[in-house]
Amino acid sequence: MSKIVVITGGTRGIGFGLVREFLKRECKVIFCGRSQSSVDKALAQFTTEFDAANVLGVPCDVSNGDQLQALWDAGVKRFGRIDIWINNAGIGNRMRPVWKIDNADLRDVIDTNLTGSMLSAGVAIRGMLTQPDGGHFYLMEGFGSSGSVRVGMTPYGATKYAVRYLSKALTAEVKGTNVKASVLSPGIVATDFLPDGYDNPADFEKAKRIFNILGDKVETVTPFLTEKVLANDKSGARIEWLTTPKVLLRFLTASFNKRDLFS
């Protein structure tokens, strides 16, 4: 039986890649983006490659609980149920000390990455509890989830550190129900989020060395994540792409394995 999958933030980057990979595996996918125009653009791309009957795009700001509920309702109305919800939507901040970040930008990062994660969990898990076969809710980790600190990434890193706690708490809360909660850890993925976060292009050029050693392209990471999600039946799972052994191997081979993710 094909899975019915919701992917928030599915109009670009990792989310866009995940939508494509689930569609390739004959799943039915509901995705969202913040604006109607971004949803329409992504939908046009998906429907040139896949059956339009299998994909639904819905504009949704994940910091708005009513819009998230409308996203759930639209998916259920179209496909009858939702088996998997991947809370991928997230934004970063400019690489600046926290006191140099505009209040509105600071609030946007928190509202999208943390408030949006909690609201999505509420909507998805509440809905899945009413389904005979339940469902599986996934959060998306990022830099900071492990407790690592980098100057300039305070808002983003703090929200992702909180997501690590949230994933553990949700796993505990759904225990004994027909709903599961797990987390995805994609590592460093070369999307426009990386260069767009730097005020000074020269600073990004310096950072590119590490990105090229440890990073990967969307089309490399998303097939792995998709296959693991479809195979996973365990609550509390952490599906991780950039494992510690892989990090060590990348550094050991960096001198003779030149990579350029941004050419």
C-alpha atoms as a PDB file:
ATOM      1  CA  MET A   1       0.000   0.000   0.000  1.00  0.00           C
ATOM      2  CA  SER A   2       1.444   3.374  -0.990  1.00  0.00           C
ATOM      3  CA  LYS A   3       2.089   5.836   1.816  1.00  0.00           C
ATOM      4  CA  ILE A   4       0.422   9.229   2.140  1.00  0.00           C
ATOM      5  CA  VAL A   5       3.097  11.743   3.126  1.00  0.00           C
ATOM      6  CA  VAL A   6       2.992  15.393   4.226  1.00  0.00           C
ATOM      7  CA  ILE A   7       6.176  17.421   3.786  1.00  0.00           C
ATOM      8  CA  THR A   8       6.240  20.983   5.090  1.00  0.00           C
ATOM      9  CA  GLY A   9       8.599  23.384   3.339  1.00  0.00           C
ATOM     10  CA  GLY A  10       8.403  21.287   0.201  1.00  0.00           C
ATOM     11  CA  THR A  11       8.890  24.018  -2.399  1.00  0.00           C
ATOM     12  CA  ARG A  12      12.690  24.211  -2.224  1.00  0.00           C
ATOM     13  CA  GLY A  13      15.841  22.601  -0.882  1.00  0.00           C
ATOM     14  CA  ILE A  14      15.628  19.376   1.115  1.00  0.00           C
ATOM     15  CA  GLY A  15      11.825  19.504   1.210  1.00  0.00           C
ATOM     16  CA  PHE A  16      11.581  19.719  -2.563  1.00  0.00           C
ATOM     17  CA  GLY A  17      13.987  16.807  -2.879  1.00  0.00           C
ATOM     18  CA  LEU A  18      11.980  14.728  -0.423  1.00  0.00           C
ATOM     19  CA  VAL A  19       8.744  15.344  -2.331  1.00  0.00           C
ATOM     20  CA  ARG A  20      10.398  14.089  -5.538  1.00  0.00           C
ATOM     21  CA  GLU A  21      11.856  11.006  -3.883  1.00  0.00           C
ATOM     22  CA  PHE A  22       8.573   9.951  -2.252  1.00  0.00           C
ATOM     23  CA  LEU A  23       6.743  10.472  -5.545  1.00  0.00           C
ATOM     24  CA  LYS A  24       9.370   8.332  -7.297  1.00  0.00           C
ATOM     25  CA  ARG A  25       8.449   5.548  -4.886  1.00  0.00           C
ATOM     26  CA  GLU A  26       4.754   5.818  -5.792  1.00  0.00           C
ATOM     27  CA  CYS A  27       3.721   7.567  -2.587  1.00  0.00           C
ATOM     28  CA  LYS A  28       1.092  10.280  -2.563  1.00  0.00           C
ATOM     29  CA  VAL A  29       2.466  13.568  -1.281  1.00  0.00           C
ATOM     30  CA  ILE A  30       1.002  16.740   0.202  1.00  0.00           C
ATOM     31  CA  PHE A  31       3.512  19.579   0.463  1.00  0.00           C
ATOM     32  CA  CYS A  32       3.350  23.207   1.511  1.00  0.00           C
ATOM     33  CA  GLY A  33       5.180  26.477   1.068  1.00  0.00           C
ATOM     34  CA  ARG A  34       4.575  29.906   2.497  1.00  0.00           C
ATOM     35  CA  SER A  35       3.105  31.493  -0.615  1.00  0.00           C
ATOM     36  CA  GLN A  36       0.690  30.428  -3.326  1.00  0.00           C
ATOM     37  CA  SER A  37       3.249  31.403  -5.963  1.00  0.00           C
ATOM     38  CA  SER A  38       5.974  29.170  -4.482  1.00  0.00           C
ATOM     39  CA  VAL A  39       3.519  26.261  -4.239  1.00  0.00           C
ATOM     40  CA  ASP A  40       2.331  26.761  -7.818  1.00  0.00           C
ATOM     41  CA  LYS A  41       5.901  26.875  -9.120  1.00  0.00           C
ATOM     42  CA  ALA A  42       6.898  23.665  -7.333  1.00  0.00           C
ATOM     43  CA  LEU A  43       3.677  21.913  -8.324  1.00  0.00           C
ATOM     44  CA  ALA A  44       4.288  22.735 -11.964  1.00  0.00           C
ATOM     45  CA  GLN A  45       7.709  21.094 -11.709  1.00  0.00           C
ATOM     46  CA  PHE A  46       6.416  17.981  -9.964  1.00  0.00           C
ATOM     47  CA  THR A  47       3.554  17.445 -12.399  1.00  0.00           C
ATOM     48  CA  THR A  48       5.863  17.487 -15.425  1.00  0.00           C
ATOM     49  CA  GLU A  49       7.509  14.370 -13.991  1.00  0.00           C
ATOM     50  CA  PHE A  50       4.782  12.663 -11.944  1.00  0.00           C
ATOM     51  CA  ASP A  51       1.045  11.994 -12.057  1.00  0.00           C
ATOM     52  CA  ALA A  52      -0.762  15.126 -10.878  1.00  0.00           C
ATOM     53  CA  ALA A  53      -3.278  12.917  -9.068  1.00  0.00           C
ATOM     54  CA  ASN A  54      -0.544  11.900  -6.606  1.00  0.00           C
ATOM     55  CA  VAL A  55       0.635  15.319  -5.450  1.00  0.00           C
ATOM     56  CA  LEU A  56      -1.121  18.202  -3.701  1.00  0.00           C
ATOM     57  CA  GLY A  57       0.384  21.623  -2.945  1.00  0.00           C
ATOM     58  CA  VAL A  58      -1.095  23.849  -0.238  1.00  0.00           C
ATOM     59  CA  PRO A  59       0.086  27.316   0.870  1.00  0.00           C
ATOM     60  CA  CYS A  60       0.767  27.220   4.613  1.00  0.00           C
ATOM     61  CA  ASP A  61       2.763  29.203   7.157  1.00  0.00           C
ATOM     62  CA  VAL A  62       3.794  26.598   9.746  1.00  0.00           C
ATOM     63  CA  SER A  63       3.762  29.197  12.517  1.00  0.00           C
ATOM     64  CA  ASN A  64      -0.022  29.416  12.056  1.00  0.00           C
ATOM     65  CA  GLY A  65      -1.925  26.561  13.682  1.00  0.00           C
ATOM     66  CA  ASP A  66      -5.091  27.165  11.681  1.00  0.00           C
ATOM     67  CA  GLN A  67      -3.176  26.931   8.410  1.00  0.00           C
ATOM     68  CA  LEU A  68      -1.500  23.718   9.552  1.00  0.00           C
ATOM     69  CA  GLN A  69      -4.900  22.249  10.370  1.00  0.00           C
ATOM     70  CA  ALA A  70      -6.089  23.264   6.912  1.00  0.00           C
ATOM     71  CA  LEU A  71      -3.054  21.469   5.448  1.00  0.00           C
ATOM     72  CA  TRP A  72      -3.981  18.279   7.315  1.00  0.00           C
ATOM     73  CA  ASP A  73      -7.632  18.583   6.311  1.00  0.00           C
ATOM     74  CA  ALA A  74      -6.749  19.127   2.647  1.00  0.00           C
ATOM     75  CA  GLY A  75      -4.559  16.026   2.647  1.00  0.00           C
ATOM     76  CA  VAL A  76      -7.203  13.849   4.279  1.00  0.00           C
ATOM     77  CA  LYS A  77      -9.888  15.170   1.953  1.00  0.00           C
ATOM     78  CA  ARG A  78      -7.753  14.356  -1.101  1.00  0.00           C
ATOM     79  CA  PHE A  79      -6.215  11.024  -0.061  1.00  0.00           C
ATOM     80  CA  GLY A  80      -8.296   9.747   2.864  1.00  0.00           C
ATOM     81  CA  ARG A  81      -5.552   9.591   5.491  1.00  0.00           C
ATOM     82  CA  ILE A  82      -2.003  10.693   6.323  1.00  0.00           C
ATOM     83  CA  ASP A  83       0.598   8.063   7.195  1.00  0.00           C
ATOM     84  CA  ILE A  84       3.748  10.173   7.530  1.00  0.00           C
ATOM     85  CA  TRP A  85       4.260  13.845   8.387  1.00  0.00           C
ATOM     86  CA  ILE A  86       7.764  15.283   7.917  1.00  0.00           C
ATOM     87  CA  ASN A  87       8.147  18.666   9.548  1.00  0.00           C
ATOM     88  CA  ASN A  88      10.880  19.980   7.264  1.00  0.00           C
ATOM     89  CA  ALA A  89      10.007  23.702   7.093  1.00  0.00           C
ATOM     90  CA  GLY A  90      12.744  25.846   8.561  1.00  0.00           C
ATOM     91  CA  ILE A  91      14.678  29.050   7.982  1.00  0.00           C
ATOM     92  CA  GLY A  92      18.082  30.362   8.985  1.00  0.00           C
ATOM     93  CA  ASN A  93      19.428  33.724  10.071  1.00  0.00           C
ATOM     94  CA  ARG A  94      22.147  35.963   8.731  1.00  0.00           C
ATOM     95  CA  MET A  95      25.541  35.108  10.217  1.00  0.00           C
ATOM     96  CA  ARG A  96      25.591  37.862  12.826  1.00  0.00           C
ATOM     97  CA  PRO A  97      25.792  38.162  16.629  1.00  0.00           C
ATOM     98  CA  VAL A  98      22.302  37.965  18.073  1.00  0.00           C
ATOM     99  CA  TRP A  99      22.288  41.659  19.041  1.00  0.00           C
ATOM    100  CA  LYS A 100      22.787  42.613  15.391  1.00  0.00           C
ATOM    101  CA  ILE A 101      19.797  40.618  14.134  1.00  0.00           C
ATOM    102  CA  ASP A 102      16.535  42.482  13.569  1.00  0.00           C
ATOM    103  CA  ASN A 103      13.785  41.617  16.037  1.00  0.00           C
ATOM    104  CA  ALA A 104      11.444  40.649  13.198  1.00  0.00           C
ATOM    105  CA  ASP A 105      14.044  38.277  11.698  1.00  0.00           C
ATOM    106  CA  LEU A 106      14.765  36.776  15.109  1.00  0.00           C
ATOM    107  CA  ARG A 107      11.086  36.140  15.721  1.00  0.00           C
ATOM    108  CA  ASP A 108      10.673  34.623  12.250  1.00  0.00           C
ATOM    109  CA  VAL A 109      13.380  32.011  12.898  1.00  0.00           C
ATOM    110  CA  ILE A 110      11.874  31.063  16.258  1.00  0.00           C
ATOM    111  CA  ASP A 111       8.299  31.009  14.982  1.00  0.00           C
ATOM    112  CA  THR A 112       9.139  28.881  11.954  1.00  0.00           C
ATOM    113  CA  ASN A 113      11.673  26.457  13.408  1.00  0.00           C
ATOM    114  CA  LEU A 114      10.404  25.943  16.941  1.00  0.00           C
ATOM    115  CA  THR A 115       6.819  27.166  17.231  1.00  0.00           C
ATOM    116  CA  GLY A 116       6.096  25.640  13.822  1.00  0.00           C
ATOM    117  CA  SER A 117       7.551  22.299  14.941  1.00  0.00           C
ATOM    118  CA  MET A 118       5.338  22.208  18.028  1.00  0.00           C
ATOM    119  CA  LEU A 119       2.212  23.293  16.178  1.00  0.00           C
ATOM    120  CA  SER A 120       2.869  20.737  13.432  1.00  0.00           C
ATOM    121  CA  ALA A 121       3.314  18.026  16.037  1.00  0.00           C
ATOM    122  CA  GLY A 122       0.021  18.965  17.644  1.00  0.00           C
ATOM    123  CA  VAL A 123      -1.939  18.934  14.394  1.00  0.00           C
ATOM    124  CA  ALA A 124      -0.336  15.787  12.974  1.00  0.00           C
ATOM    125  CA  ILE A 125      -0.372  13.654  16.109  1.00  0.00           C
ATOM    126  CA  ARG A 126      -3.902  14.713  17.037  1.00  0.00           C
ATOM    127  CA  GLY A 127      -5.059  13.691  13.576  1.00  0.00           C
ATOM    128  CA  MET A 128      -3.090  10.452  13.497  1.00  0.00           C
ATOM    129  CA  LEU A 129      -4.550   9.342  16.834  1.00  0.00           C
ATOM    130  CA  THR A 130      -7.986   9.248  15.181  1.00  0.00           C
ATOM    131  CA  GLN A 131      -6.800   6.961  12.370  1.00  0.00           C
ATOM    132  CA  PRO A 132      -7.047   3.169  12.737  1.00  0.00           C
ATOM    133  CA  ASP A 133      -3.400   2.722  11.716  1.00  0.00           C
ATOM    134  CA  GLY A 134      -2.083   5.849  13.435  1.00  0.00           C
ATOM    135  CA  GLY A 135       0.889   7.430  11.710  1.00  0.00           C
ATOM    136  CA  HIS A 136       4.515   8.544  12.043  1.00  0.00           C
ATOM    137  CA  PHE A 137       5.605  12.127  12.761  1.00  0.00           C
ATOM    138  CA  TYR A 138       9.151  13.264  11.943  1.00  0.00           C
ATOM    139  CA  LEU A 139      11.061  16.365  13.020  1.00  0.00           C
ATOM    140  CA  MET A 140      14.111  17.699  11.153  1.00  0.00           C
ATOM    141  CA  GLU A 141      17.332  18.345  13.038  1.00  0.00           C
ATOM    142  CA  GLY A 142      19.982  20.837  11.972  1.00  0.00           C
ATOM    143  CA  PHE A 143      23.130  22.563  13.152  1.00  0.00           C
ATOM    144  CA  GLY A 144      22.906  23.025  16.903  1.00  0.00           C
ATOM    145  CA  SER A 145      20.841  19.915  17.591  1.00  0.00           C
ATOM    146  CA  SER A 146      23.881  18.180  19.084  1.00  0.00           C
ATOM    147  CA  GLY A 147      24.806  21.203  21.196  1.00  0.00           C
ATOM    148  CA  SER A 148      27.506  22.489  18.832  1.00  0.00           C
ATOM    149  CA  VAL A 149      27.966  26.269  18.875  1.00  0.00           C
ATOM    150  CA  ARG A 150      28.989  28.521  16.022  1.00  0.00           C
ATOM    151  CA  VAL A 151      29.290  32.296  16.278  1.00  0.00           C
ATOM    152  CA  GLY A 152      26.548  33.963  14.248  1.00  0.00           C
ATOM    153  CA  MET A 153      24.141  31.010  14.280  1.00  0.00           C
ATOM    154  CA  THR A 154      22.592  31.592  17.701  1.00  0.00           C
ATOM    155  CA  PRO A 155      18.891  31.831  16.692  1.00  0.00           C
ATOM    156  CA  TYR A 156      18.973  28.896  14.278  1.00  0.00           C
ATOM    157  CA  GLY A 157      21.161  26.720  16.489  1.00  0.00           C
ATOM    158  CA  ALA A 158      19.057  27.389  19.586  1.00  0.00           C
ATOM    159  CA  THR A 159      15.864  26.346  17.809  1.00  0.00           C
ATOM    160  CA  LYS A 160      17.458  23.157  16.513  1.00  0.00           C
ATOM    161  CA  TYR A 161      18.817  22.344  19.979  1.00  0.00           C
ATOM    162  CA  ALA A 162      15.238  22.644  21.198  1.00  0.00           C
ATOM    163  CA  VAL A 163      14.050  20.363  18.379  1.00  0.00           C
ATOM    164  CA  ARG A 164      16.304  17.600  19.771  1.00  0.00           C
ATOM    165  CA  TYR A 165      14.495  17.884  23.115  1.00  0.00           C
ATOM    166  CA  LEU A 166      11.119  18.086  21.407  1.00  0.00           C
ATOM    167  CA  SER A 167      11.755  14.868  19.467  1.00  0.00           C
ATOM    168  CA  LYS A 168      12.638  12.990  22.661  1.00  0.00           C
ATOM    169  CA  ALA A 169       9.621  14.399  24.486  1.00  0.00           C
ATOM    170  CA  LEU A 170       7.208  13.515  21.691  1.00  0.00           C
ATOM    171  CA  THR A 171       8.546   9.957  21.564  1.00  0.00           C
ATOM    172  CA  ALA A 172       7.797   9.638  25.270  1.00  0.00           C
ATOM    173  CA  GLU A 173       4.343  11.193  24.934  1.00  0.00           C
ATOM    174  CA  VAL A 174       3.126   8.955  22.102  1.00  0.00           C
ATOM    175  CA  LYS A 175       4.357   5.781  23.758  1.00  0.00           C
ATOM    176  CA  GLY A 176       1.513   3.302  24.098  1.00  0.00           C
ATOM    177  CA  THR A 177      -0.497   4.874  21.262  1.00  0.00           C
ATOM    178  CA  ASN A 178      -0.751   3.996  17.582  1.00  0.00           C
ATOM    179  CA  VAL A 179       1.393   7.034  16.676  1.00  0.00           C
ATOM    180  CA  LYS A 180       5.181   7.123  16.384  1.00  0.00           C
ATOM    181  CA  ALA A 181       7.579  10.077  16.572  1.00  0.00           C
ATOM    182  CA  SER A 182      11.128  10.152  15.159  1.00  0.00           C
ATOM    183  CA  VAL A 183      13.725  12.542  13.802  1.00  0.00           C
ATOM    184  CA  LEU A 184      15.717  13.074  10.603  1.00  0.00           C
ATOM    185  CA  SER A 185      19.280  14.407  10.590  1.00  0.00           C
ATOM    186  CA  PRO A 186      20.330  15.349   7.040  1.00  0.00           C
ATOM    187  CA  GLY A 187      23.756  16.796   7.853  1.00  0.00           C
ATOM    188  CA  ILE A 188      25.132  19.685   5.793  1.00  0.00           C
ATOM    189  CA  VAL A 189      23.180  19.995   2.559  1.00  0.00           C
ATOM    190  CA  ALA A 190      24.238  22.399  -0.190  1.00  0.00           C
ATOM    191  CA  THR A 191      21.164  24.579  -0.663  1.00  0.00           C
ATOM    192  CA  ASP A 192      20.865  28.338  -1.152  1.00  0.00           C
ATOM    193  CA  PHE A 193      20.532  28.590   2.640  1.00  0.00           C
ATOM    194  CA  LEU A 194      24.332  28.350   2.985  1.00  0.00           C
ATOM    195  CA  PRO A 195      25.574  31.242   0.807  1.00  0.00           C
ATOM    196  CA  ASP A 196      22.500  33.370   1.543  1.00  0.00           C
ATOM    197  CA  GLY A 197      23.356  33.410   5.244  1.00  0.00           C
ATOM    198  CA  TYR A 198      26.568  35.400   4.801  1.00  0.00           C
ATOM    199  CA  ASP A 199      26.698  39.210   4.617  1.00  0.00           C
ATOM    200  CA  ASN A 200      30.260  39.092   3.326  1.00  0.00           C
ATOM    201  CA  PRO A 201      30.906  36.797   0.323  1.00  0.00           C
ATOM    202  CA  ALA A 202      34.533  36.472   1.463  1.00  0.00           C
ATOM    203  CA  ASP A 203      33.367  34.828   4.686  1.00  0.00           C
ATOM    204  CA  PHE A 204      31.403  32.272   2.710  1.00  0.00           C
ATOM    205  CA  GLU A 205      34.457  31.527   0.577  1.00  0.00           C
ATOM    206  CA  LYS A 206      36.365  30.686   3.766  1.00  0.00           C
ATOM    207  CA  ALA A 207      33.546  28.459   5.025  1.00  0.00           C
ATOM    208  CA  LYS A 208      33.257  26.598   1.712  1.00  0.00           C
ATOM    209  CA  ARG A 209      36.242  24.382   2.546  1.00  0.00           C
ATOM    210  CA  ILE A 210      34.374  22.696   5.404  1.00  0.00           C
ATOM    211  CA  PHE A 211      31.113  22.636   3.466  1.00  0.00           C
ATOM    212  CA  ASN A 212      32.841  20.873   0.576  1.00  0.00           C
ATOM    213  CA  ILE A 213      34.343  18.272   2.916  1.00  0.00           C
ATOM    214  CA  LEU A 214      31.256  17.501   4.986  1.00  0.00           C
ATOM    215  CA  GLY A 215      28.388  18.648   2.795  1.00  0.00           C
ATOM    216  CA  ASP A 216      26.341  16.884   0.148  1.00  0.00           C
ATOM    217  CA  LYS A 217      23.835  17.810  -2.511  1.00  0.00           C
ATOM    218  CA  VAL A 218      20.084  17.471  -2.069  1.00  0.00           C
ATOM    219  CA  GLU A 219      19.903  14.681  -4.632  1.00  0.00           C
ATOM    220  CA  THR A 220      22.472  12.669  -2.636  1.00  0.00           C
ATOM    221  CA  VAL A 221      20.856  12.962   0.794  1.00  0.00           C
ATOM    222  CA  THR A 222      17.119  12.830   0.083  1.00  0.00           C
ATOM    223  CA  PRO A 223      16.978   9.324  -1.483  1.00  0.00           C
ATOM    224  CA  PHE A 224      18.690   7.946   1.638  1.00  0.00           C
ATOM    225  CA  LEU A 225      16.284   9.726   3.988  1.00  0.00           C
ATOM    226  CA  THR A 226      13.256   8.630   1.963  1.00  0.00           C
ATOM    227  CA  GLU A 227      14.249   4.963   1.902  1.00  0.00           C
ATOM    228  CA  LYS A 228      14.954   4.960   5.633  1.00  0.00           C
ATOM    229  CA  VAL A 229      11.632   6.644   6.475  1.00  0.00           C
ATOM    230  CA  LEU A 230       9.679   4.129   4.397  1.00  0.00           C
ATOM    231  CA  ALA A 231      11.522   1.230   6.017  1.00  0.00           C
ATOM    232  CA  ASN A 232      11.295   2.541   9.579  1.00  0.00           C
ATOM    233  CA  ASP A 233       8.614   1.232  11.914  1.00  0.00           C
ATOM    234  CA  LYS A 234      10.290   2.253  15.173  1.00  0.00           C
ATOM    235  CA  SER A 235       9.270   5.232  17.286  1.00  0.00           C
ATOM    236  CA  GLY A 236      12.184   7.275  18.590  1.00  0.00           C
ATOM    237  CA  ALA A 237      14.363   6.495  15.566  1.00  0.00           C
ATOM    238  CA  ARG A 238      17.064   8.949  14.515  1.00  0.00           C
ATOM    239  CA  ILE A 239      17.716   8.637  10.809  1.00  0.00           C
ATOM    240  CA  GLU A 240      21.137  10.210  10.322  1.00  0.00           C
ATOM    241  CA  TRP A 241      23.024  10.816   7.082  1.00  0.00           C
ATOM    242  CA  LEU A 242      26.267  12.425   8.313  1.00  0.00           C
ATOM    243  CA  THR A 243      27.375   9.908  10.936  1.00  0.00           C
ATOM    244  CA  THR A 244      30.583  10.245  13.002  1.00  0.00           C
ATOM    245  CA  PRO A 245      32.433   7.534  10.999  1.00  0.00           C
ATOM    246  CA  LYS A 246      31.464   9.331   7.785  1.00  0.00           C
ATOM    247  CA  VAL A 247      32.777  12.643   9.158  1.00  0.00           C
ATOM    248  CA  LEU A 248      36.112  11.067  10.071  1.00  0.00           C
ATOM    249  CA  LEU A 249      36.424   9.421   6.665  1.00  0.00           C
ATOM    250  CA  ARG A 250      35.656  12.695   4.893  1.00  0.00           C
ATOM    251  CA  PHE A 251      38.449  14.505   6.757  1.00  0.00           C
ATOM    252  CA  LEU A 252      40.908  11.653   6.238  1.00  0.00           C
ATOM    253  CA  THR A 253      40.301  11.617   2.484  1.00  0.00           C
ATOM    254  CA  ALA A 254      39.838  15.373   1.963  1.00  0.00           C
ATOM    255  CA  SER A 255      43.364  15.984   0.662  1.00  0.00           C
ATOM    256  CA  PHE A 256      42.933  13.716  -2.369  1.00  0.00           C
ATOM    257  CA  ASN A 257      39.154  13.735  -2.759  1.00  0.00           C
ATOM    258  CA  LYS A 258      38.448  17.253  -3.942  1.00  0.00           C
ATOM    259  CA  ARG A 259      34.758  18.157  -3.924  1.00  0.00           C
ATOM    260  CA  ASP A 260      33.008  21.308  -5.138  1.00  0.00           C
ATOM    261  CA  LEU A 261      29.327  21.443  -4.223  1.00  0.00           C
ATOM    262  CA  PHE A 262      28.839  25.028  -5.350  1.00  0.00           C
ATOM    263  CA  SER A 263      30.199  25.054  -8.914  1.00  0.00           C
END
